[in-house]
PDB file of N, CA and C in Angstrom:
ATOM      1  N   MET A   1      -4.841  -9.076  21.769  1.00  0.00           N
ATOM      2  CA  MET A   1      -5.139  -8.309  22.953  1.00  0.00           C
ATOM      3  C   MET A   1      -6.540  -7.699  22.857  1.00  0.00           C
ATOM      4  N   SER A   2      -6.895  -7.225  21.671  1.00  0.00           N
ATOM      5  CA  SER A   2      -8.225  -6.618  21.546  1.00  0.00           C
ATOM      6  C   SER A   2      -9.339  -7.656  21.614  1.00  0.00           C
ATOM      7  N   GLU A   3      -9.047  -8.899  21.237  1.00  0.00           N
ATOM      8  CA  GLU A   3     -10.067  -9.945  21.307  1.00  0.00           C
ATOM      9  C   GLU A   3     -10.316 -10.401  22.737  1.00  0.00           C
ATOM     10  N   ARG A   4      -9.287 -10.431  23.537  1.00  0.00           N
ATOM     11  CA  ARG A   4      -9.443 -10.900  24.916  1.00  0.00           C
ATOM     12  C   ARG A   4     -10.175  -9.894  25.790  1.00  0.00           C
ATOM     13  N   GLY A   5      -9.893  -8.638  25.613  1.00  0.00           N
ATOM     14  CA  GLY A   5     -10.476  -7.640  26.495  1.00  0.00           C
ATOM     15  C   GLY A   5     -11.634  -6.876  25.897  1.00  0.00           C
ATOM     16  N   ASN A   6     -12.019  -7.228  24.661  1.00  0.00           N
ATOM     17  CA  ASN A   6     -13.073  -6.491  23.970  1.00  0.00           C
ATOM     18  C   ASN A   6     -12.815  -4.992  23.998  1.00  0.00           C
ATOM     19  N   LEU A   7     -11.574  -4.619  23.751  1.00  0.00           N
ATOM     20  CA  LEU A   7     -11.210  -3.206  23.753  1.00  0.00           C
ATOM     21  C   LEU A   7     -11.660  -2.484  22.491  1.00  0.00           C
ATOM     22  N   LEU A   8     -11.780  -3.234  21.401  1.00  0.00           N
ATOM     23  CA  LEU A   8     -12.121  -2.618  20.119  1.00  0.00           C
ATOM     24  C   LEU A   8     -13.375  -3.248  19.530  1.00  0.00           C
ATOM     25  N   SER A   9     -14.072  -2.454  18.751  1.00  0.00           N
ATOM     26  CA  SER A   9     -15.239  -2.982  18.045  1.00  0.00           C
ATOM     27  C   SER A   9     -14.759  -3.874  16.898  1.00  0.00           C
ATOM     28  N   PRO A  10     -15.637  -4.719  16.362  1.00  0.00           N
ATOM     29  CA  PRO A  10     -15.240  -5.551  15.216  1.00  0.00           C
ATOM     30  C   PRO A  10     -14.769  -4.723  14.020  1.00  0.00           C
ATOM     31  N   GLU A  11     -15.400  -3.574  13.812  1.00  0.00           N
ATOM     32  CA  GLU A  11     -14.999  -2.696  12.705  1.00  0.00           C
ATOM     33  C   GLU A  11     -13.588  -2.162  12.918  1.00  0.00           C
ATOM     34  N   ALA A  12     -13.282  -1.772  14.135  1.00  0.00           N
ATOM     35  CA  ALA A  12     -11.941  -1.248  14.435  1.00  0.00           C
ATOM     36  C   ALA A  12     -10.886  -2.336  14.271  1.00  0.00           C
ATOM     37  N   ARG A  13     -11.216  -3.565  14.652  1.00  0.00           N
ATOM     38  CA  ARG A  13     -10.283  -4.689  14.471  1.00  0.00           C
ATOM     39  C   ARG A  13     -10.005  -4.935  12.997  1.00  0.00           C
ATOM     40  N   ILE A  14     -11.052  -4.897  12.182  1.00  0.00           N
ATOM     41  CA  ILE A  14     -10.871  -5.088  10.734  1.00  0.00           C
ATOM     42  C   ILE A  14     -10.007  -3.971  10.171  1.00  0.00           C
ATOM     43  N   PHE A  15     -10.279  -2.736  10.574  1.00  0.00           N
ATOM     44  CA  PHE A  15      -9.481  -1.606  10.098  1.00  0.00           C
ATOM     45  C   PHE A  15      -8.004  -1.781  10.458  1.00  0.00           C
ATOM     46  N   LEU A  16      -7.741  -2.169  11.688  1.00  0.00           N
ATOM     47  CA  LEU A  16      -6.351  -2.324  12.117  1.00  0.00           C
ATOM     48  C   LEU A  16      -5.651  -3.484  11.416  1.00  0.00           C
ATOM     49  N   THR A  17      -6.335  -4.597  11.293  1.00  0.00           N
ATOM     50  CA  THR A  17      -5.669  -5.765  10.709  1.00  0.00           C
ATOM     51  C   THR A  17      -5.540  -5.660   9.195  1.00  0.00           C
ATOM     52  N   VAL A  18      -6.593  -5.265   8.528  1.00  0.00           N
ATOM     53  CA  VAL A  18      -6.547  -5.202   7.069  1.00  0.00           C
ATOM     54  C   VAL A  18      -5.986  -3.861   6.606  1.00  0.00           C
ATOM     55  N   GLY A  19      -6.494  -2.788   7.160  1.00  0.00           N
ATOM     56  CA  GLY A  19      -6.072  -1.463   6.717  1.00  0.00           C
ATOM     57  C   GLY A  19      -4.647  -1.114   7.077  1.00  0.00           C
ATOM     58  N   ILE A  20      -4.349  -1.094   8.338  1.00  0.00           N
ATOM     59  CA  ILE A  20      -3.013  -0.687   8.786  1.00  0.00           C
ATOM     60  C   ILE A  20      -1.970  -1.752   8.468  1.00  0.00           C
ATOM     61  N   CYS A  21      -2.198  -2.971   8.909  1.00  0.00           N
ATOM     62  CA  CYS A  21      -1.209  -4.041   8.670  1.00  0.00           C
ATOM     63  C   CYS A  21      -1.071  -4.336   7.180  1.00  0.00           C
ATOM     64  N   GLY A  22      -2.172  -4.314   6.459  1.00  0.00           N
ATOM     65  CA  GLY A  22      -2.112  -4.533   5.013  1.00  0.00           C
ATOM     66  C   GLY A  22      -1.315  -3.466   4.311  1.00  0.00           C
ATOM     67  N   GLY A  23      -1.470  -2.223   4.754  1.00  0.00           N
ATOM     68  CA  GLY A  23      -0.695  -1.129   4.170  1.00  0.00           C
ATOM     69  C   GLY A  23       0.791  -1.279   4.434  1.00  0.00           C
ATOM     70  N   PHE A  24       1.138  -1.692   5.641  1.00  0.00           N
ATOM     71  CA  PHE A  24       2.561  -1.883   5.961  1.00  0.00           C
ATOM     72  C   PHE A  24       3.172  -2.994   5.124  1.00  0.00           C
ATOM     73  N   THR A  25       2.442  -4.097   4.942  1.00  0.00           N
ATOM     74  CA  THR A  25       3.020  -5.199   4.173  1.00  0.00           C
ATOM     75  C   THR A  25       3.140  -4.836   2.702  1.00  0.00           C
ATOM     76  N   THR A  26       2.179  -4.085   2.166  1.00  0.00           N
ATOM     77  CA  THR A  26       2.275  -3.648   0.773  1.00  0.00           C
ATOM     78  C   THR A  26       3.461  -2.720   0.592  1.00  0.00           C
ATOM     79  N   PHE A  27       3.624  -1.762   1.492  1.00  0.00           N
ATOM     80  CA  PHE A  27       4.750  -0.838   1.409  1.00  0.00           C
ATOM     81  C   PHE A  27       6.070  -1.582   1.592  1.00  0.00           C
ATOM     82  N   SER A  28       6.094  -2.539   2.497  1.00  0.00           N
ATOM     83  CA  SER A  28       7.310  -3.326   2.712  1.00  0.00           C
ATOM     84  C   SER A  28       7.685  -4.113   1.467  1.00  0.00           C
ATOM     85  N   SER A  29       6.702  -4.669   0.786  1.00  0.00           N
ATOM     86  CA  SER A  29       6.975  -5.409  -0.449  1.00  0.00           C
ATOM     87  C   SER A  29       7.534  -4.490  -1.517  1.00  0.00           C
ATOM     88  N   LEU A  30       6.946  -3.311  -1.670  1.00  0.00           N
ATOM     89  CA  LEU A  30       7.425  -2.351  -2.660  1.00  0.00           C
ATOM     90  C   LEU A  30       8.865  -1.944  -2.372  1.00  0.00           C
ATOM     91  N   THR A  31       9.154  -1.593  -1.128  1.00  0.00           N
ATOM     92  CA  THR A  31      10.505  -1.146  -0.804  1.00  0.00           C
ATOM     93  C   THR A  31      11.508  -2.290  -0.854  1.00  0.00           C
ATOM     94  N   ASN A  32      11.095  -3.498  -0.501  1.00  0.00           N
ATOM     95  CA  ASN A  32      11.997  -4.641  -0.604  1.00  0.00           C
ATOM     96  C   ASN A  32      12.345  -4.925  -2.064  1.00  0.00           C
ATOM     97  N   ASP A  33      11.353  -4.879  -2.941  1.00  0.00           N
ATOM     98  CA  ASP A  33      11.619  -5.094  -4.360  1.00  0.00           C
ATOM     99  C   ASP A  33      12.559  -4.023  -4.905  1.00  0.00           C
ATOM    100  N   ALA A  34      12.317  -2.768  -4.517  1.00  0.00           N
ATOM    101  CA  ALA A  34      13.193  -1.682  -4.964  1.00  0.00           C
ATOM    102  C   ALA A  34      14.601  -1.869  -4.420  1.00  0.00           C
ATOM    103  N   PHE A  35      14.720  -2.290  -3.178  1.00  0.00           N
ATOM    104  CA  PHE A  35      16.035  -2.516  -2.575  1.00  0.00           C
ATOM    105  C   PHE A  35      16.793  -3.626  -3.299  1.00  0.00           C
ATOM    106  N   MET A  36      16.081  -4.688  -3.661  1.00  0.00           N
ATOM    107  CA  MET A  36      16.721  -5.779  -4.387  1.00  0.00           C
ATOM    108  C   MET A  36      17.240  -5.300  -5.743  1.00  0.00           C
ATOM    109  N   LEU A  37      16.478  -4.455  -6.402  1.00  0.00           N
ATOM    110  CA  LEU A  37      16.944  -3.889  -7.672  1.00  0.00           C
ATOM    111  C   LEU A  37      18.163  -2.995  -7.463  1.00  0.00           C
ATOM    112  N   LEU A  38      18.166  -2.241  -6.354  1.00  0.00           N
ATOM    113  CA  LEU A  38      19.332  -1.404  -6.045  1.00  0.00           C
ATOM    114  C   LEU A  38      20.570  -2.253  -5.796  1.00  0.00           C
ATOM    115  N   GLN A  39      20.407  -3.361  -5.089  1.00  0.00           N
ATOM    116  CA  GLN A  39      21.544  -4.237  -4.822  1.00  0.00           C
ATOM    117  C   GLN A  39      22.132  -4.803  -6.113  1.00  0.00           C
ATOM    118  N   GLU A  40      21.280  -5.018  -7.101  1.00  0.00           N
ATOM    119  CA  GLU A  40      21.737  -5.542  -8.380  1.00  0.00           C
ATOM    120  C   GLU A  40      22.201  -4.432  -9.315  1.00  0.00           C
ATOM    121  N   LYS A  41      22.202  -3.193  -8.804  1.00  0.00           N
ATOM    122  CA  LYS A  41      22.612  -2.010  -9.566  1.00  0.00           C
ATOM    123  C   LYS A  41      21.781  -1.819 -10.839  1.00  0.00           C
ATOM    124  N   GLU A  42      20.502  -2.114 -10.718  1.00  0.00           N
ATOM    125  CA  GLU A  42      19.556  -1.934 -11.823  1.00  0.00           C
ATOM    126  C   GLU A  42      18.933  -0.544 -11.696  1.00  0.00           C
ATOM    127  N   TRP A  43      19.729   0.480 -11.974  1.00  0.00           N
ATOM    128  CA  TRP A  43      19.329   1.870 -11.728  1.00  0.00           C
ATOM    129  C   TRP A  43      18.086   2.267 -12.518  1.00  0.00           C
ATOM    130  N   LEU A  44      18.036   1.919 -13.782  1.00  0.00           N
ATOM    131  CA  LEU A  44      16.879   2.282 -14.599  1.00  0.00           C
ATOM    132  C   LEU A  44      15.624   1.552 -14.113  1.00  0.00           C
ATOM    133  N   LYS A  45      15.761   0.266 -13.836  1.00  0.00           N
ATOM    134  CA  LYS A  45      14.605  -0.510 -13.383  1.00  0.00           C
ATOM    135  C   LYS A  45      14.066   0.000 -12.054  1.00  0.00           C
ATOM    136  N   VAL A  46      14.951   0.311 -11.105  1.00  0.00           N
ATOM    137  CA  VAL A  46      14.457   0.788  -9.803  1.00  0.00           C
ATOM    138  C   VAL A  46      13.825   2.168  -9.943  1.00  0.00           C
ATOM    139  N   SER A  47      14.379   3.001 -10.808  1.00  0.00           N
ATOM    140  CA  SER A  47      13.784   4.326 -11.025  1.00  0.00           C
ATOM    141  C   SER A  47      12.404   4.209 -11.649  1.00  0.00           C
ATOM    142  N   LEU A  48      12.287   3.360 -12.665  1.00  0.00           N
ATOM    143  CA  LEU A  48      10.988   3.162 -13.305  1.00  0.00           C
ATOM    144  C   LEU A  48       9.991   2.511 -12.347  1.00  0.00           C
ATOM    145  N   TYR A  49      10.449   1.522 -11.616  1.00  0.00           N
ATOM    146  CA  TYR A  49       9.578   0.803 -10.686  1.00  0.00           C
ATOM    147  C   TYR A  49       9.007   1.745  -9.623  1.00  0.00           C
ATOM    148  N   ALA A  50       9.875   2.519  -9.006  1.00  0.00           N
ATOM    149  CA  ALA A  50       9.422   3.411  -7.927  1.00  0.00           C
ATOM    150  C   ALA A  50       8.539   4.532  -8.469  1.00  0.00           C
ATOM    151  N   SER A  51       8.964   5.170  -9.538  1.00  0.00           N
ATOM    152  CA  SER A  51       8.199   6.313 -10.046  1.00  0.00           C
ATOM    153  C   SER A  51       6.879   5.867 -10.665  1.00  0.00           C
ATOM    154  N   LEU A  52       6.893   4.760 -11.421  1.00  0.00           N
ATOM    155  CA  LEU A  52       5.636   4.292 -12.009  1.00  0.00           C
ATOM    156  C   LEU A  52       4.678   3.763 -10.949  1.00  0.00           C
ATOM    157  N   SER A  53       5.185   3.117  -9.924  1.00  0.00           N
ATOM    158  CA  SER A  53       4.317   2.644  -8.840  1.00  0.00           C
ATOM    159  C   SER A  53       3.594   3.815  -8.196  1.00  0.00           C
ATOM    160  N   PHE A  54       4.326   4.872  -7.918  1.00  0.00           N
ATOM    161  CA  PHE A  54       3.723   6.059  -7.300  1.00  0.00           C
ATOM    162  C   PHE A  54       2.756   6.732  -8.268  1.00  0.00           C
ATOM    163  N   PHE A  55       3.199   6.965  -9.503  1.00  0.00           N
ATOM    164  CA  PHE A  55       2.375   7.665 -10.486  1.00  0.00           C
ATOM    165  C   PHE A  55       1.105   6.881 -10.804  1.00  0.00           C
ATOM    166  N   LEU A  56       1.229   5.596 -11.063  1.00  0.00           N
ATOM    167  CA  LEU A  56       0.049   4.799 -11.380  1.00  0.00           C
ATOM    168  C   LEU A  56      -0.884   4.680 -10.173  1.00  0.00           C
ATOM    169  N   GLY A  57      -0.338   4.706  -8.976  1.00  0.00           N
ATOM    170  CA  GLY A  57      -1.170   4.737  -7.780  1.00  0.00           C
ATOM    171  C   GLY A  57      -2.001   6.009  -7.714  1.00  0.00           C
ATOM    172  N   LEU A  58      -1.384   7.135  -8.042  1.00  0.00           N
ATOM    173  CA  LEU A  58      -2.120   8.400  -8.075  1.00  0.00           C
ATOM    174  C   LEU A  58      -3.203   8.390  -9.150  1.00  0.00           C
ATOM    175  N   VAL A  59      -2.873   7.839 -10.307  1.00  0.00           N
ATOM    176  CA  VAL A  59      -3.860   7.742 -11.390  1.00  0.00           C
ATOM    177  C   VAL A  59      -5.035   6.870 -10.949  1.00  0.00           C
ATOM    178  N   ALA A  60      -4.753   5.760 -10.287  1.00  0.00           N
ATOM    179  CA  ALA A  60      -5.823   4.876  -9.818  1.00  0.00           C
ATOM    180  C   ALA A  60      -6.715   5.577  -8.801  1.00  0.00           C
ATOM    181  N   VAL A  61      -6.121   6.338  -7.897  1.00  0.00           N
ATOM    182  CA  VAL A  61      -6.920   7.089  -6.911  1.00  0.00           C
ATOM    183  C   VAL A  61      -7.781   8.129  -7.620  1.00  0.00           C
ATOM    184  N   TYR A  62      -7.193   8.843  -8.560  1.00  0.00           N
ATOM    185  CA  TYR A  62      -7.946   9.856  -9.308  1.00  0.00           C
ATOM    186  C   TYR A  62      -9.126   9.222 -10.043  1.00  0.00           C
ATOM    187  N   LEU A  63      -8.872   8.122 -10.747  1.00  0.00           N
ATOM    188  CA  LEU A  63      -9.939   7.449 -11.480  1.00  0.00           C
ATOM    189  C   LEU A  63     -11.025   6.916 -10.537  1.00  0.00           C
ATOM    190  N   GLY A  64     -10.616   6.361  -9.421  1.00  0.00           N
ATOM    191  CA  GLY A  64     -11.571   5.871  -8.439  1.00  0.00           C
ATOM    192  C   GLY A  64     -12.442   6.983  -7.882  1.00  0.00           C
ATOM    193  N   ARG A  65     -11.822   8.101  -7.554  1.00  0.00           N
ATOM    194  CA  ARG A  65     -12.594   9.230  -7.025  1.00  0.00           C
ATOM    195  C   ARG A  65     -13.526   9.810  -8.075  1.00  0.00           C
ATOM    196  N   THR A  66     -13.059   9.878  -9.324  1.00  0.00           N
ATOM    197  CA  THR A  66     -13.881  10.375 -10.412  1.00  0.00           C
ATOM    198  C   THR A  66     -15.076   9.456 -10.641  1.00  0.00           C
ATOM    199  N   LEU A  67     -14.837   8.158 -10.597  1.00  0.00           N
ATOM    200  CA  LEU A  67     -15.916   7.187 -10.770  1.00  0.00           C
ATOM    201  C   LEU A  67     -16.958   7.330  -9.665  1.00  0.00           C
ATOM    202  N   ILE A  68     -16.504   7.443  -8.428  1.00  0.00           N
ATOM    203  CA  ILE A  68     -17.434   7.562  -7.295  1.00  0.00           C
ATOM    204  C   ILE A  68     -18.268   8.855  -7.407  1.00  0.00           C
ATOM    205  N   LYS A  69     -17.644   9.943  -7.833  1.00  0.00           N
ATOM    206  CA  LYS A  69     -18.383  11.204  -7.973  1.00  0.00           C
ATOM    207  C   LYS A  69     -19.439  11.120  -9.065  1.00  0.00           C
ATOM    208  N   SER A  70     -19.189  10.313 -10.091  1.00  0.00           N
ATOM    209  CA  SER A  70     -20.130  10.223 -11.206  1.00  0.00           C
ATOM    210  C   SER A  70     -21.302   9.298 -10.902  1.00  0.00           C
ATOM    211  N   ILE A  71     -21.189   8.496  -9.865  1.00  0.00           N
ATOM    212  CA  ILE A  71     -22.287   7.558  -9.534  1.00  0.00           C
ATOM    213  C   ILE A  71     -23.363   8.246  -8.759  1.00  0.00           C
TER     214      ILE A  71
END
């Protein structure tokens, strides 16, 4: 729709397709994997998977921000 009517700039299209849609698919993959582990009653694995995914994501953001500030 945005391509036909030129409603959005090229930058906005990239943001929507890669940023927003990419975020949804990544989150969907994470939750689907966790759900599959829950169905198999892998309580320890799903707990580790969810908590480590979140924690390591925070560590990566912290390291990235620290790196950018030091440049």
